[in-house]
Amino acid sequence: MKYAWPWELSRSGVLNMNRRNISYIGRYNQRKFYKRVDDKLITKQLALANNIAVPDLIGVVHEQHKIQEIPAMVSDRTGFVIKPAKGSGGKGILVITKVNNGCYYKPNGHEVTHSEIYRHVSNILSGLFSLGGKPDVAIVEGLIEFDPVFDGFSYEGVPDIRLIVFKGFPVMGMLRLSTAASDGKANLHQGAVGVGLDIATGKSLHAVQFDMPVDKHPDTHYPLSNITVPHWETLLHTASSAYEMCELGYLGTDMVLDKNKGPLLLELNARPGLTIQIANGRGILPRLKHVEAMKGPAMSVEERVAYAKKHFSSNPKF
């Protein structure tokens, strides 16, 4: 593994955590707006009010005695997701992809009993997965119907698209692909694959797993060099629109592709991680500085997207 001094990384345009926290999150994200992204229920309500598509909201469990209502909530569903409203890093998310005769099954085929669901939701309510360990609520959502365009590029999970948005401009993106190591979750720290995406086209640029370059999916062995994310223009517009919706200047937007509904906004992040730079094989700092230096009248969502596609395009590294 190659190491570099911090000033060498900065000279190469790599944004480090301290600079991210002070110069971008601290400067551009007002704390009074954090609840709009830290609470997924509020995010969903804001998105619906702004005509941004999100996964179906089946129900919300606020109290322990309401947990017993979940089987009735999902009785007509072939699958569903339970997640903490204030969770982070994918913690506490339970995905059920099959319902058969009142029995529930995870993506790996393992059965989840009613008592296990009760215990899991009880843990959510107690704050086990929430930021700061504060009491939480459980969101029950409709299952996303996996878009077949990504068949073979993900393992037992739904791929998602992360776009970093700065002052309304989408500046860097990546596709996150679940693996056996990540237990079917699109979490890079748990072993998911991150594929850098060209802002102009949505085409793959470079890919990593555990911060190391890869050219094939570790489980399916599909090549990662020929991916083009469909509905790219809509994804860029959705990400850019989130700026007005939540009023945070430095933002991570996580979206998925549903085969029937198209792009759906999953969640927003006021403290997006820095691994996206490794997935892209380049630093994000020059793009952030570019936006900071811009003068002139405010741009519309359409103008910001067009500007980003023109000025932040990359060359493939595969």
Protein backbone atom coordinates (compact mmCIF):
# COMPACT_ATOMS: atom_id res chain seq x y z
CA MET A 1 0.00 0.00 0.00
CA LYS A 2 1.29 3.46 -0.92
CA TYR A 3 1.22 6.24 1.66
CA ALA A 4 1.49 9.99 1.14
CA TRP A 5 2.01 13.02 3.34
CA PRO A 6 -1.11 15.15 3.98
CA TRP A 7 0.30 18.12 2.05
CA GLU A 8 1.00 15.85 -0.93
CA LEU A 9 -2.62 14.70 -0.95
CA SER A 10 -3.85 18.29 -0.68
CA ARG A 11 -1.60 19.30 -3.56
CA SER A 12 -3.20 16.49 -5.57
CA GLY A 13 -6.66 17.86 -4.87
CA VAL A 14 -7.65 15.31 -2.22
CA LEU A 15 -10.01 16.60 0.45
CA ASN A 16 -9.16 15.34 3.95
CA MET A 17 -11.53 14.97 6.87
CA ASN A 18 -10.39 18.02 8.83
CA ARG A 19 -10.73 20.31 5.82
CA ARG A 20 -14.07 18.78 4.92
CA ASN A 21 -15.38 19.34 8.45
CA ILE A 22 -14.10 22.92 8.82
CA SER A 23 -14.14 24.41 5.31
CA TYR A 24 -17.22 22.73 3.88
CA ILE A 25 -19.51 21.07 6.42
CA GLY A 26 -18.89 23.68 9.12
CA ARG A 27 -19.05 26.61 6.71
CA TYR A 28 -21.90 25.63 4.41
CA ASN A 29 -24.18 23.41 6.52
CA GLN A 30 -26.19 25.30 9.12
CA ARG A 31 -26.87 23.06 12.09
CA LYS A 32 -30.53 24.11 12.28
CA PHE A 33 -31.11 22.26 8.98
CA TYR A 34 -29.41 18.99 10.00
CA LYS A 35 -32.66 17.37 11.12
CA ARG A 36 -33.89 17.56 7.53
CA VAL A 37 -31.33 14.92 6.57
CA ASP A 38 -30.52 13.19 9.87
CA ASP A 39 -34.17 12.14 10.26
CA LYS A 40 -35.13 9.96 7.28
CA LEU A 41 -38.83 10.41 8.00
CA ILE A 42 -38.50 14.20 7.70
CA THR A 43 -36.39 13.74 4.54
CA LYS A 44 -39.11 11.58 3.01
CA GLN A 45 -41.82 14.08 3.88
CA LEU A 46 -39.79 16.96 2.41
CA ALA A 47 -39.10 14.97 -0.76
CA LEU A 48 -42.79 14.20 -1.25
CA ALA A 49 -43.65 17.87 -0.74
CA ASN A 50 -41.08 18.78 -3.42
CA ASN A 51 -42.26 16.15 -5.93
CA ILE A 52 -39.13 14.01 -5.53
CA ALA A 53 -39.82 10.29 -5.82
CA VAL A 54 -39.03 8.11 -2.78
CA PRO A 55 -39.75 4.47 -1.79
CA ASP A 56 -43.32 3.81 -0.58
CA LEU A 57 -43.97 4.63 3.05
CA ILE A 58 -45.93 1.67 4.48
CA GLY A 59 -46.00 2.84 8.06
CA VAL A 60 -44.15 4.28 11.05
CA VAL A 61 -43.76 2.61 14.46
CA HIS A 62 -43.39 5.16 17.27
CA GLU A 63 -44.07 2.99 20.34
CA GLN A 64 -43.28 -0.52 21.53
CA HIS A 65 -46.89 -1.71 21.60
CA LYS A 66 -47.29 -0.73 17.93
CA ILE A 67 -44.67 -3.27 16.81
CA GLN A 68 -47.31 -5.99 16.78
CA GLU A 69 -49.07 -4.08 13.96
CA ILE A 70 -46.23 -4.68 11.49
CA PRO A 71 -47.52 -8.07 10.18
CA ALA A 72 -50.82 -6.40 9.25
CA MET A 73 -48.93 -3.48 7.61
CA VAL A 74 -47.01 -5.79 5.29
CA SER A 75 -49.63 -8.51 4.77
CA ASP A 76 -50.11 -7.63 1.09
CA ARG A 77 -46.40 -7.06 0.36
CA THR A 78 -43.92 -9.41 -1.30
CA GLY A 79 -41.11 -7.65 0.56
CA PHE A 80 -40.39 -4.62 2.75
CA VAL A 81 -37.66 -2.70 4.56
CA ILE A 82 -37.48 -1.63 8.20
CA LYS A 83 -35.05 1.15 9.06
CA PRO A 84 -34.35 3.59 11.89
CA ALA A 85 -35.34 7.17 11.09
CA LYS A 86 -32.13 8.52 12.62
CA GLY A 87 -29.71 5.72 11.75
CA SER A 88 -26.43 6.20 9.91
CA GLY A 89 -24.00 4.10 7.89
CA GLY A 90 -26.63 1.52 7.00
CA LYS A 91 -26.95 0.38 10.62
CA GLY A 92 -30.27 -1.08 11.72
CA ILE A 93 -31.67 -1.62 8.22
CA LEU A 94 -33.54 -4.91 7.85
CA VAL A 95 -34.40 -5.95 4.29
CA ILE A 96 -37.04 -8.60 3.68
CA THR A 97 -37.16 -9.70 0.05
CA LYS A 98 -39.68 -12.52 0.37
CA VAL A 99 -42.90 -13.02 2.33
CA ASN A 100 -44.38 -16.51 2.25
CA ASN A 101 -47.29 -17.70 4.42
CA GLY A 102 -46.50 -15.14 7.08
CA CYS A 103 -42.78 -16.01 7.07
CA TYR A 104 -40.12 -13.43 6.23
CA TYR A 105 -36.84 -14.00 4.39
CA LYS A 106 -33.70 -11.89 3.96
CA PRO A 107 -31.87 -11.55 0.60
CA ASN A 108 -29.57 -14.47 1.54
CA GLY A 109 -32.60 -16.75 2.06
CA HIS A 110 -32.37 -16.85 5.86
CA GLU A 111 -35.73 -16.71 7.64
CA VAL A 112 -36.44 -13.88 10.06
CA THR A 113 -38.94 -14.86 12.75
CA HIS A 114 -41.65 -12.59 14.15
CA SER A 115 -39.80 -12.45 17.46
CA GLU A 116 -36.61 -11.36 15.68
CA ILE A 117 -38.48 -8.56 13.92
CA TYR A 118 -40.05 -7.51 17.22
CA ARG A 119 -36.61 -7.43 18.88
CA HIS A 120 -35.05 -5.54 15.96
CA VAL A 121 -37.74 -2.85 15.95
CA SER A 122 -37.58 -2.63 19.73
CA ASN A 123 -33.84 -1.95 19.42
CA ILE A 124 -34.57 0.78 16.86
CA LEU A 125 -37.04 2.47 19.20
CA SER A 126 -34.56 2.34 22.07
CA GLY A 127 -31.98 4.21 19.97
CA LEU A 128 -29.50 1.37 19.44
CA PHE A 129 -28.84 2.49 15.84
CA SER A 130 -29.53 6.22 16.07
CA LEU A 131 -27.07 9.09 16.13
CA GLY A 132 -26.18 9.76 19.75
CA GLY A 133 -28.22 6.77 20.96
CA LYS A 134 -31.39 8.85 21.24
CA PRO A 135 -34.86 7.21 21.13
CA ASP A 136 -35.98 6.70 17.55
CA VAL A 137 -38.88 5.58 15.37
CA ALA A 138 -38.96 2.71 12.88
CA ILE A 139 -39.88 3.35 9.25
CA VAL A 140 -41.47 0.51 7.26
CA GLU A 141 -40.92 1.04 3.52
CA GLY A 142 -41.84 -0.72 0.34
CA LEU A 143 -39.17 -2.94 -1.16
CA ILE A 144 -37.30 -1.46 -4.10
CA GLU A 145 -37.74 -3.53 -7.25
CA PHE A 146 -34.22 -4.12 -8.45
CA ASP A 147 -33.57 -2.61 -11.92
CA PRO A 148 -32.32 -5.51 -14.07
CA VAL A 149 -29.83 -3.20 -15.78
CA PHE A 150 -27.50 -3.94 -12.85
CA ASP A 151 -27.92 -7.74 -12.91
CA GLY A 152 -24.57 -9.32 -12.12
CA PHE A 153 -23.03 -6.11 -10.83
CA SER A 154 -24.29 -6.51 -7.29
CA TYR A 155 -24.53 -9.39 -4.82
CA GLU A 156 -27.75 -9.94 -2.84
CA GLY A 157 -28.50 -6.25 -2.60
CA VAL A 158 -29.69 -3.14 -4.41
CA PRO A 159 -26.95 -0.89 -5.85
CA ASP A 160 -27.21 2.78 -5.00
CA ILE A 161 -25.84 5.98 -6.49
CA ARG A 162 -24.09 8.54 -4.28
CA LEU A 163 -23.74 12.08 -5.64
CA ILE A 164 -21.92 14.84 -3.77
CA VAL A 165 -23.70 18.16 -4.24
CA PHE A 166 -21.98 21.44 -3.42
CA LYS A 167 -24.01 24.67 -3.48
CA GLY A 168 -26.48 22.85 -5.74
CA PHE A 169 -23.90 21.53 -8.22
CA PRO A 170 -23.39 17.74 -8.52
CA VAL A 171 -19.59 17.55 -8.34
CA MET A 172 -18.72 13.85 -7.95
CA GLY A 173 -20.57 10.53 -8.12
CA MET A 174 -20.18 6.83 -7.54
CA LEU A 175 -22.13 3.60 -7.80
CA ARG A 176 -22.02 1.37 -4.71
CA LEU A 177 -22.35 -2.36 -5.32
CA SER A 178 -23.04 -4.84 -2.54
CA THR A 179 -20.86 -7.92 -2.08
CA ALA A 180 -20.76 -11.06 0.03
CA ALA A 181 -18.29 -9.26 2.30
CA SER A 182 -20.73 -6.37 2.81
CA ASP A 183 -23.62 -8.79 3.56
CA GLY A 184 -25.65 -7.46 0.66
CA LYS A 185 -25.38 -3.83 1.79
CA ALA A 186 -24.03 -0.98 -0.35
CA ASN A 187 -21.62 0.13 2.40
CA LEU A 188 -18.01 0.66 1.33
CA HIS A 189 -16.64 0.33 4.86
CA GLN A 190 -18.22 -3.13 5.10
CA GLY A 191 -16.75 -4.30 1.78
CA ALA A 192 -19.05 -3.01 -0.96
CA VAL A 193 -17.48 -1.98 -4.26
CA GLY A 194 -17.36 1.71 -5.12
CA VAL A 195 -17.39 2.61 -8.81
CA GLY A 196 -16.52 6.18 -9.74
CA LEU A 197 -18.90 7.71 -12.29
CA ASP A 198 -18.34 10.39 -14.90
CA ILE A 199 -20.57 13.37 -14.04
CA ALA A 200 -21.30 14.06 -17.71
CA THR A 201 -22.34 10.56 -18.76
CA GLY A 202 -22.82 8.27 -15.75
CA LYS A 203 -20.17 5.89 -17.14
CA SER A 204 -17.79 3.97 -14.87
CA LEU A 205 -14.31 5.42 -14.41
CA HIS A 206 -12.50 3.46 -11.72
CA ALA A 207 -13.48 0.98 -9.00
CA VAL A 208 -12.29 0.02 -5.52
CA GLN A 209 -13.04 -2.44 -2.73
CA PHE A 210 -11.52 -1.85 0.71
CA ASP A 211 -9.75 1.16 -0.88
CA MET A 212 -7.89 -1.07 -3.36
CA PRO A 213 -8.46 -0.96 -7.16
CA VAL A 214 -10.57 -3.74 -8.69
CA ASP A 215 -11.70 -4.28 -12.27
CA LYS A 216 -14.26 -7.06 -11.65
CA HIS A 217 -16.95 -7.64 -9.06
CA PRO A 218 -15.38 -9.93 -6.42
CA ASP A 219 -18.36 -12.33 -6.33
CA THR A 220 -19.97 -12.22 -9.76
CA HIS A 221 -16.74 -11.46 -11.68
CA TYR A 222 -18.61 -9.03 -13.94
CA PRO A 223 -16.28 -6.41 -15.44
CA LEU A 224 -16.81 -2.97 -13.94
CA SER A 225 -15.39 -0.98 -16.83
CA ASN A 226 -18.48 -0.97 -19.06
CA ILE A 227 -21.18 0.29 -16.68
CA THR A 228 -23.41 3.16 -17.73
CA VAL A 229 -26.01 4.22 -15.17
CA PRO A 230 -29.40 4.81 -16.86
CA HIS A 231 -31.66 7.77 -16.06
CA TRP A 232 -28.47 9.73 -15.39
CA GLU A 233 -29.99 13.11 -16.22
CA THR A 234 -32.86 12.50 -13.78
CA LEU A 235 -30.43 11.41 -11.06
CA LEU A 236 -28.40 14.60 -11.50
CA HIS A 237 -31.53 16.76 -11.39
CA THR A 238 -32.82 14.97 -8.28
CA ALA A 239 -29.49 15.44 -6.49
CA SER A 240 -29.27 19.10 -7.47
CA SER A 241 -32.88 19.71 -6.36
CA ALA A 242 -32.01 18.43 -2.87
CA TYR A 243 -30.03 21.64 -2.33
CA GLU A 244 -33.17 23.79 -2.27
CA MET A 245 -35.08 21.10 -0.39
CA CYS A 246 -32.79 20.85 2.63
CA GLU A 247 -30.78 24.11 2.36
CA LEU A 248 -27.46 22.40 3.09
CA GLY A 249 -24.51 23.55 0.99
CA TYR A 250 -22.36 20.39 1.20
CA LEU A 251 -24.46 17.28 0.81
CA GLY A 252 -24.42 13.59 -0.08
CA THR A 253 -27.47 12.24 -1.93
CA ASP A 254 -28.16 8.50 -2.08
CA MET A 255 -30.49 7.23 -4.80
CA VAL A 256 -31.57 3.90 -6.28
CA LEU A 257 -33.14 2.73 -9.53
CA ASP A 258 -36.48 0.95 -9.31
CA LYS A 259 -37.43 -1.01 -12.42
CA ASN A 260 -40.99 0.38 -12.34
CA LYS A 261 -40.60 3.82 -10.76
CA GLY A 262 -37.16 4.85 -11.99
CA PRO A 263 -34.84 6.91 -9.76
CA LEU A 264 -35.84 7.13 -6.09
CA LEU A 265 -34.22 9.25 -3.38
CA LEU A 266 -33.22 7.05 -0.44
CA GLU A 267 -31.62 9.51 1.93
CA LEU A 268 -29.45 12.60 2.32
CA ASN A 269 -26.24 13.00 4.28
CA ALA A 270 -24.89 16.21 5.80
CA ARG A 271 -21.51 14.57 6.45
CA PRO A 272 -20.79 12.51 3.31
CA GLY A 273 -17.66 10.36 3.45
CA LEU A 274 -14.48 10.88 1.46
CA THR A 275 -14.08 7.41 -0.06
CA ILE A 276 -15.83 8.67 -3.19
CA GLN A 277 -12.48 10.24 -4.12
CA ILE A 278 -10.77 6.84 -4.07
CA ALA A 279 -13.58 5.34 -6.17
CA ASN A 280 -13.07 8.11 -8.73
CA GLY A 281 -9.28 7.96 -8.66
CA ARG A 282 -9.09 11.72 -8.11
CA GLY A 283 -9.63 14.40 -5.48
CA ILE A 284 -12.79 16.44 -5.15
CA LEU A 285 -11.09 19.64 -3.90
CA PRO A 286 -10.52 21.30 -7.32
CA ARG A 287 -14.22 20.97 -8.12
CA LEU A 288 -15.24 22.44 -4.77
CA LYS A 289 -12.85 25.37 -5.25
CA HIS A 290 -14.20 25.87 -8.76
CA VAL A 291 -17.75 26.26 -7.44
CA GLU A 292 -16.61 28.54 -4.61
CA ALA A 293 -14.91 30.85 -7.12
CA MET A 294 -17.98 31.21 -9.32
CA LYS A 295 -19.59 34.62 -9.65
CA GLY A 296 -22.79 35.76 -11.25
CA PRO A 297 -26.53 35.28 -10.77
CA ALA A 298 -28.02 32.20 -9.12
CA MET A 299 -28.61 29.28 -11.48
CA SER A 300 -31.63 27.01 -11.82
CA VAL A 301 -31.38 23.25 -11.25
CA GLU A 302 -31.19 22.68 -15.00
CA GLU A 303 -28.41 25.27 -15.39
CA ARG A 304 -26.40 23.82 -12.51
CA VAL A 305 -26.62 20.30 -13.93
CA ALA A 306 -25.58 21.48 -17.39
CA TYR A 307 -22.66 23.41 -15.89
CA ALA A 308 -21.49 20.42 -13.84
CA LYS A 309 -21.63 18.10 -16.86
CA LYS A 310 -19.51 20.54 -18.85
CA HIS A 311 -16.89 21.36 -16.23
CA PHE A 312 -16.59 18.25 -14.02
CA SER A 313 -16.38 15.46 -16.60
CA SER A 314 -13.58 12.91 -16.15
CA ASN A 315 -11.61 10.52 -18.32
CA PRO A 316 -12.00 6.76 -17.75
CA LYS A 317 -9.11 5.13 -15.85
CA PHE A 318 -9.85 1.45 -16.55
